[in-house]
Amino acid sequence: MAAKIASKTRVYRDMKKFLNEVIYIIKDFPKDQRYVVGDRIERTAIDSLHIIARVYMGKDLKTRIADMVELQSNFELLNTLIEIAGEHQWIKGRGKLANLLLLMDSVGRQSTAWKGSLVEALKRSEGERSQC
């Protein structure tokens, strides 16, 4: 059996695109916010990539679902921080902000669908066990 490679998934690639965009955008943040808000955005995006890989490669459904909850929590934080940066005009150019928000929306939709499929798989497996 071939090894599972998370980096081949669309959700991982979109999150990586988001991180690449953020790395360049944060350079334009005011110095005092670059090391507070900017650093938090970068770290949360990196953590999210790690969580995506962990969920993709994991075996235990309950653990994977718990990781998906953590991932969705990260997305909420990222959305909030990006919106704040946009409101304060730390992100130069509406196109850059729009692109970040579109990537976050895409990743959010994919993660919600993924979590839903994991929950359904867990229900099926628990239903099969209860019938035995």
N, C-alpha and C. Protein backbone atom coordinates (compact mmCIF):
# COMPACT_ATOMS: atom_id res chain seq x y z
N MET A 1 0.84 -1.18 0.00
CA MET A 1 0.00 0.00 0.00
C MET A 1 0.89 1.25 0.00
N ALA A 2 0.54 2.19 -0.84
CA ALA A 2 1.31 3.43 -0.93
C ALA A 2 1.07 4.29 0.31
N ALA A 3 2.09 5.02 0.70
CA ALA A 3 1.97 5.91 1.86
C ALA A 3 1.03 7.06 1.52
N LYS A 4 0.26 7.47 2.51
CA LYS A 4 -0.62 8.62 2.33
C LYS A 4 0.22 9.89 2.35
N ILE A 5 -0.01 10.74 1.38
CA ILE A 5 0.74 11.99 1.30
C ILE A 5 -0.25 13.15 1.38
N ALA A 6 -0.27 13.80 2.52
CA ALA A 6 -1.21 14.89 2.76
C ALA A 6 -0.99 16.05 1.81
N SER A 7 0.26 16.28 1.41
CA SER A 7 0.57 17.43 0.56
C SER A 7 -0.06 17.33 -0.83
N LYS A 8 -0.60 16.18 -1.17
CA LYS A 8 -1.27 16.01 -2.47
C LYS A 8 -2.74 16.43 -2.41
N THR A 9 -3.27 16.66 -1.22
CA THR A 9 -4.68 17.01 -1.08
C THR A 9 -4.91 18.49 -1.36
N ARG A 10 -6.11 18.81 -1.83
CA ARG A 10 -6.43 20.21 -2.15
C ARG A 10 -6.42 21.08 -0.90
N VAL A 11 -6.95 20.55 0.20
CA VAL A 11 -7.02 21.35 1.43
C VAL A 11 -5.61 21.72 1.90
N TYR A 12 -4.68 20.79 1.80
CA TYR A 12 -3.29 21.05 2.20
C TYR A 12 -2.67 22.09 1.26
N ARG A 13 -2.88 21.89 -0.05
CA ARG A 13 -2.30 22.83 -1.03
C ARG A 13 -2.85 24.24 -0.85
N ASP A 14 -4.17 24.35 -0.59
CA ASP A 14 -4.76 25.67 -0.36
C ASP A 14 -4.22 26.32 0.91
N MET A 15 -4.04 25.52 1.95
CA MET A 15 -3.50 26.07 3.20
C MET A 15 -2.05 26.51 3.00
N LYS A 16 -1.31 25.75 2.20
CA LYS A 16 0.08 26.12 1.90
C LYS A 16 0.12 27.42 1.09
N LYS A 17 -0.80 27.58 0.13
CA LYS A 17 -0.89 28.83 -0.63
C LYS A 17 -1.16 30.00 0.32
N PHE A 18 -2.08 29.77 1.25
CA PHE A 18 -2.40 30.80 2.23
C PHE A 18 -1.15 31.20 3.01
N LEU A 19 -0.39 30.21 3.49
CA LEU A 19 0.83 30.48 4.24
C LEU A 19 1.83 31.25 3.39
N ASN A 20 2.01 30.85 2.14
CA ASN A 20 2.94 31.56 1.25
C ASN A 20 2.53 33.02 1.06
N GLU A 21 1.24 33.26 0.88
CA GLU A 21 0.75 34.64 0.74
C GLU A 21 1.01 35.43 2.01
N VAL A 22 0.70 34.82 3.14
CA VAL A 22 0.83 35.49 4.44
C VAL A 22 2.27 35.88 4.73
N ILE A 23 3.21 35.03 4.37
CA ILE A 23 4.62 35.30 4.64
C ILE A 23 5.04 36.64 4.02
N TYR A 24 4.58 36.91 2.80
CA TYR A 24 4.94 38.16 2.13
C TYR A 24 4.11 39.34 2.60
N ILE A 25 2.86 39.11 2.91
CA ILE A 25 1.97 40.19 3.33
C ILE A 25 2.37 40.73 4.70
N ILE A 26 2.79 39.85 5.58
CA ILE A 26 3.13 40.25 6.95
C ILE A 26 4.31 41.22 6.99
N LYS A 27 5.16 41.16 5.99
CA LYS A 27 6.31 42.08 5.93
C LYS A 27 5.87 43.54 5.89
N ASP A 28 4.65 43.79 5.41
CA ASP A 28 4.13 45.16 5.32
C ASP A 28 3.37 45.60 6.56
N PHE A 29 3.20 44.71 7.53
CA PHE A 29 2.50 45.08 8.77
C PHE A 29 3.35 46.10 9.52
N PRO A 30 2.71 46.97 10.32
CA PRO A 30 3.50 47.85 11.19
C PRO A 30 4.39 47.00 12.09
N LYS A 31 5.56 47.51 12.37
CA LYS A 31 6.55 46.73 13.11
C LYS A 31 6.01 46.16 14.41
N ASP A 32 5.25 46.96 15.16
CA ASP A 32 4.75 46.47 16.45
C ASP A 32 3.71 45.37 16.28
N GLN A 33 3.02 45.32 15.15
CA GLN A 33 2.02 44.27 14.92
C GLN A 33 2.59 43.07 14.16
N ARG A 34 3.68 43.29 13.45
CA ARG A 34 4.31 42.20 12.70
C ARG A 34 4.72 41.06 13.63
N TYR A 35 5.21 41.42 14.80
CA TYR A 35 5.72 40.40 15.72
C TYR A 35 4.66 39.90 16.69
N VAL A 36 3.49 40.47 16.66
CA VAL A 36 2.39 40.01 17.51
C VAL A 36 1.36 39.31 16.64
N VAL A 37 0.63 40.10 15.86
CA VAL A 37 -0.43 39.54 15.02
C VAL A 37 0.16 38.73 13.87
N GLY A 38 1.14 39.29 13.19
CA GLY A 38 1.74 38.60 12.05
C GLY A 38 2.33 37.26 12.43
N ASP A 39 3.07 37.24 13.52
CA ASP A 39 3.68 35.99 13.98
C ASP A 39 2.60 34.96 14.33
N ARG A 40 1.53 35.42 14.96
CA ARG A 40 0.45 34.50 15.34
C ARG A 40 -0.23 33.92 14.10
N ILE A 41 -0.42 34.74 13.07
CA ILE A 41 -1.00 34.25 11.82
C ILE A 41 -0.11 33.17 11.21
N GLU A 42 1.19 33.46 11.13
CA GLU A 42 2.13 32.48 10.55
C GLU A 42 2.14 31.18 11.34
N ARG A 43 2.25 31.28 12.66
CA ARG A 43 2.32 30.07 13.49
C ARG A 43 1.03 29.25 13.39
N THR A 44 -0.10 29.93 13.36
CA THR A 44 -1.38 29.23 13.28
C THR A 44 -1.53 28.55 11.92
N ALA A 45 -1.07 29.20 10.86
CA ALA A 45 -1.12 28.59 9.52
C ALA A 45 -0.21 27.37 9.45
N ILE A 46 0.97 27.46 10.03
CA ILE A 46 1.89 26.32 10.06
C ILE A 46 1.29 25.18 10.88
N ASP A 47 0.73 25.51 12.04
CA ASP A 47 0.07 24.49 12.86
C ASP A 47 -1.06 23.83 12.10
N SER A 48 -1.79 24.61 11.32
CA SER A 48 -2.91 24.06 10.55
C SER A 48 -2.43 23.06 9.50
N LEU A 49 -1.31 23.36 8.85
CA LEU A 49 -0.74 22.39 7.91
C LEU A 49 -0.39 21.09 8.62
N HIS A 50 0.17 21.21 9.80
CA HIS A 50 0.52 20.02 10.58
C HIS A 50 -0.72 19.22 10.95
N ILE A 51 -1.77 19.91 11.36
CA ILE A 51 -3.01 19.22 11.73
C ILE A 51 -3.62 18.52 10.52
N ILE A 52 -3.62 19.18 9.36
CA ILE A 52 -4.15 18.56 8.15
C ILE A 52 -3.42 17.26 7.86
N ALA A 53 -2.10 17.29 7.94
CA ALA A 53 -1.31 16.08 7.70
C ALA A 53 -1.63 15.00 8.73
N ARG A 54 -1.76 15.40 9.99
CA ARG A 54 -2.06 14.44 11.07
C ARG A 54 -3.42 13.79 10.85
N VAL A 55 -4.42 14.59 10.49
CA VAL A 55 -5.76 14.04 10.25
C VAL A 55 -5.73 13.11 9.04
N TYR A 56 -5.06 13.53 8.00
CA TYR A 56 -5.01 12.73 6.77
C TYR A 56 -4.35 11.38 6.99
N MET A 57 -3.31 11.36 7.79
CA MET A 57 -2.55 10.13 8.00
C MET A 57 -3.05 9.30 9.18
N GLY A 58 -3.91 9.87 10.00
CA GLY A 58 -4.38 9.19 11.20
C GLY A 58 -5.28 8.00 10.90
N LYS A 59 -5.40 7.13 11.88
CA LYS A 59 -6.23 5.93 11.74
C LYS A 59 -7.48 6.01 12.60
N ASP A 60 -7.36 6.48 13.84
CA ASP A 60 -8.47 6.49 14.78
C ASP A 60 -9.44 7.63 14.45
N LEU A 61 -10.69 7.28 14.16
CA LEU A 61 -11.68 8.28 13.74
C LEU A 61 -11.94 9.32 14.82
N LYS A 62 -12.04 8.91 16.06
CA LYS A 62 -12.32 9.87 17.14
C LYS A 62 -11.19 10.90 17.27
N THR A 63 -9.97 10.44 17.16
CA THR A 63 -8.82 11.34 17.23
C THR A 63 -8.82 12.29 16.03
N ARG A 64 -9.12 11.75 14.86
CA ARG A 64 -9.15 12.57 13.65
C ARG A 64 -10.23 13.64 13.74
N ILE A 65 -11.39 13.28 14.29
CA ILE A 65 -12.47 14.26 14.45
C ILE A 65 -12.06 15.34 15.44
N ALA A 66 -11.43 14.94 16.55
CA ALA A 66 -10.95 15.93 17.53
C ALA A 66 -9.93 16.87 16.89
N ASP A 67 -9.06 16.32 16.05
CA ASP A 67 -8.08 17.15 15.35
C ASP A 67 -8.78 18.11 14.37
N MET A 68 -9.85 17.66 13.75
CA MET A 68 -10.60 18.52 12.83
C MET A 68 -11.23 19.69 13.59
N VAL A 69 -11.70 19.43 14.81
CA VAL A 69 -12.25 20.52 15.63
C VAL A 69 -11.15 21.55 15.91
N GLU A 70 -9.95 21.06 16.23
CA GLU A 70 -8.81 21.96 16.46
C GLU A 70 -8.50 22.76 15.19
N LEU A 71 -8.53 22.09 14.05
CA LEU A 71 -8.26 22.75 12.77
C LEU A 71 -9.30 23.84 12.50
N GLN A 72 -10.56 23.55 12.74
CA GLN A 72 -11.60 24.54 12.52
C GLN A 72 -11.47 25.72 13.49
N SER A 73 -11.02 25.44 14.69
CA SER A 73 -10.75 26.51 15.65
C SER A 73 -9.62 27.41 15.14
N ASN A 74 -8.59 26.79 14.58
CA ASN A 74 -7.49 27.56 13.99
C ASN A 74 -8.00 28.46 12.86
N PHE A 75 -8.90 27.93 12.03
CA PHE A 75 -9.44 28.72 10.92
C PHE A 75 -10.21 29.92 11.43
N GLU A 76 -10.97 29.73 12.50
CA GLU A 76 -11.71 30.86 13.07
C GLU A 76 -10.75 31.95 13.53
N LEU A 77 -9.68 31.53 14.21
CA LEU A 77 -8.67 32.49 14.66
C LEU A 77 -8.02 33.19 13.47
N LEU A 78 -7.63 32.42 12.45
CA LEU A 78 -7.01 33.02 11.27
C LEU A 78 -7.95 34.01 10.58
N ASN A 79 -9.21 33.62 10.43
CA ASN A 79 -10.18 34.53 9.81
C ASN A 79 -10.29 35.83 10.59
N THR A 80 -10.36 35.72 11.90
CA THR A 80 -10.48 36.91 12.75
C THR A 80 -9.24 37.80 12.63
N LEU A 81 -8.07 37.20 12.69
CA LEU A 81 -6.83 37.98 12.60
C LEU A 81 -6.68 38.64 11.23
N ILE A 82 -7.04 37.93 10.18
CA ILE A 82 -6.96 38.50 8.82
C ILE A 82 -7.96 39.64 8.68
N GLU A 83 -9.17 39.45 9.21
CA GLU A 83 -10.17 40.53 9.16
C GLU A 83 -9.69 41.76 9.92
N ILE A 84 -9.09 41.56 11.10
CA ILE A 84 -8.57 42.68 11.88
C ILE A 84 -7.46 43.40 11.10
N ALA A 85 -6.56 42.62 10.51
CA ALA A 85 -5.48 43.21 9.71
C ALA A 85 -6.05 44.01 8.54
N GLY A 86 -7.11 43.49 7.94
CA GLY A 86 -7.76 44.21 6.84
C GLY A 86 -8.43 45.49 7.31
N GLU A 87 -9.11 45.42 8.45
CA GLU A 87 -9.79 46.61 9.01
C GLU A 87 -8.80 47.72 9.35
N HIS A 88 -7.62 47.33 9.83
CA HIS A 88 -6.59 48.31 10.18
C HIS A 88 -5.71 48.69 8.99
N GLN A 89 -6.01 48.10 7.85
CA GLN A 89 -5.29 48.35 6.60
C GLN A 89 -3.80 47.99 6.69
N TRP A 90 -3.52 46.94 7.44
CA TRP A 90 -2.15 46.44 7.51
C TRP A 90 -1.84 45.61 6.27
N ILE A 91 -2.87 45.11 5.61
CA ILE A 91 -2.70 44.35 4.37
C ILE A 91 -2.86 45.35 3.24
N LYS A 92 -1.77 45.55 2.50
CA LYS A 92 -1.76 46.55 1.43
C LYS A 92 -2.39 45.96 0.17
N GLY A 93 -3.48 46.54 -0.25
CA GLY A 93 -4.15 46.09 -1.48
C GLY A 93 -5.36 45.22 -1.18
N ARG A 94 -6.49 45.63 -1.73
CA ARG A 94 -7.72 44.87 -1.52
C ARG A 94 -7.63 43.48 -2.13
N GLY A 95 -6.91 43.36 -3.24
CA GLY A 95 -6.76 42.07 -3.91
C GLY A 95 -6.08 41.04 -3.02
N LYS A 96 -5.08 41.47 -2.28
CA LYS A 96 -4.36 40.56 -1.39
C LYS A 96 -5.28 40.07 -0.27
N LEU A 97 -6.03 41.00 0.31
CA LEU A 97 -6.98 40.64 1.37
C LEU A 97 -8.05 39.70 0.83
N ALA A 98 -8.58 40.03 -0.34
CA ALA A 98 -9.62 39.20 -0.95
C ALA A 98 -9.09 37.80 -1.23
N ASN A 99 -7.86 37.71 -1.72
CA ASN A 99 -7.26 36.40 -2.01
C ASN A 99 -7.12 35.57 -0.74
N LEU A 100 -6.66 36.19 0.34
CA LEU A 100 -6.53 35.47 1.61
C LEU A 100 -7.88 34.97 2.10
N LEU A 101 -8.89 35.83 2.01
CA LEU A 101 -10.22 35.44 2.48
C LEU A 101 -10.81 34.33 1.62
N LEU A 102 -10.54 34.36 0.31
CA LEU A 102 -11.01 33.28 -0.57
C LEU A 102 -10.33 31.96 -0.24
N LEU A 103 -9.02 32.00 0.00
CA LEU A 103 -8.31 30.78 0.38
C LEU A 103 -8.83 30.23 1.70
N MET A 104 -9.07 31.12 2.66
CA MET A 104 -9.60 30.68 3.96
C MET A 104 -11.00 30.07 3.79
N ASP A 105 -11.81 30.68 2.94
CA ASP A 105 -13.15 30.14 2.69
C ASP A 105 -13.06 28.75 2.07
N SER A 106 -12.16 28.59 1.11
CA SER A 106 -11.98 27.29 0.46
C SER A 106 -11.54 26.23 1.46
N VAL A 107 -10.54 26.56 2.26
CA VAL A 107 -10.05 25.61 3.26
C VAL A 107 -11.14 25.31 4.28
N GLY A 108 -11.87 26.32 4.69
CA GLY A 108 -12.94 26.12 5.66
C GLY A 108 -14.02 25.20 5.15
N ARG A 109 -14.43 25.38 3.90
CA ARG A 109 -15.45 24.52 3.30
C ARG A 109 -14.96 23.07 3.20
N GLN A 110 -13.72 22.92 2.75
CA GLN A 110 -13.16 21.58 2.62
C GLN A 110 -13.05 20.89 3.97
N SER A 111 -12.61 21.62 4.98
CA SER A 111 -12.45 21.01 6.30
C SER A 111 -13.81 20.64 6.91
N THR A 112 -14.82 21.47 6.67
CA THR A 112 -16.16 21.17 7.17
C THR A 112 -16.70 19.89 6.52
N ALA A 113 -16.53 19.77 5.22
CA ALA A 113 -16.98 18.57 4.51
C ALA A 113 -16.19 17.35 4.98
N TRP A 114 -14.89 17.52 5.17
CA TRP A 114 -14.03 16.42 5.61
C TRP A 114 -14.46 15.96 7.00
N LYS A 115 -14.67 16.89 7.90
CA LYS A 115 -15.11 16.54 9.25
C LYS A 115 -16.45 15.82 9.20
N GLY A 116 -17.36 16.29 8.37
CA GLY A 116 -18.66 15.64 8.22
C GLY A 116 -18.53 14.20 7.76
N SER A 117 -17.63 13.95 6.82
CA SER A 117 -17.43 12.58 6.34
C SER A 117 -16.81 11.70 7.43
N LEU A 118 -15.94 12.28 8.24
CA LEU A 118 -15.36 11.51 9.35
C LEU A 118 -16.42 11.17 10.40
N VAL A 119 -17.29 12.12 10.70
CA VAL A 119 -18.37 11.88 11.67
C VAL A 119 -19.30 10.79 11.15
N GLU A 120 -19.64 10.83 9.86
CA GLU A 120 -20.49 9.80 9.27
C GLU A 120 -19.81 8.44 9.32
N ALA A 121 -18.52 8.40 9.03
CA ALA A 121 -17.78 7.13 9.09
C ALA A 121 -17.77 6.58 10.51
N LEU A 122 -17.64 7.45 11.49
CA LEU A 122 -17.66 7.02 12.89
C LEU A 122 -19.04 6.46 13.25
N LYS A 123 -20.09 7.13 12.82
CA LYS A 123 -21.45 6.64 13.09
C LYS A 123 -21.67 5.27 12.46
N ARG A 124 -21.21 5.10 11.22
CA ARG A 124 -21.34 3.80 10.55
C ARG A 124 -20.58 2.71 11.30
N SER A 125 -19.35 3.02 11.70
CA SER A 125 -18.54 2.00 12.38
C SER A 125 -19.12 1.66 13.75
N GLU A 126 -19.66 2.65 14.45
CA GLU A 126 -20.29 2.37 15.75
C GLU A 126 -21.59 1.61 15.57
N GLY A 127 -22.31 1.89 14.48
CA GLY A 127 -23.54 1.16 14.18
C GLY A 127 -23.27 -0.29 13.86
N GLU A 128 -22.18 -0.53 13.12
CA GLU A 128 -21.80 -1.90 12.78
C GLU A 128 -21.39 -2.67 14.02
N ARG A 129 -20.70 -2.01 14.94
CA ARG A 129 -20.28 -2.68 16.19
C ARG A 129 -21.48 -3.02 17.06
N SER A 130 -22.47 -2.14 17.09
CA SER A 130 -23.63 -2.39 17.95
C SER A 130 -24.50 -3.50 17.40
N GLN A 131 -24.41 -3.77 16.10
CA GLN A 131 -25.19 -4.85 15.49
C GLN A 131 -24.56 -6.21 15.71
N CYS A 132 -23.30 -6.22 16.05
CA CYS A 132 -22.59 -7.50 16.24
C CYS A 132 -22.95 -8.17 17.54
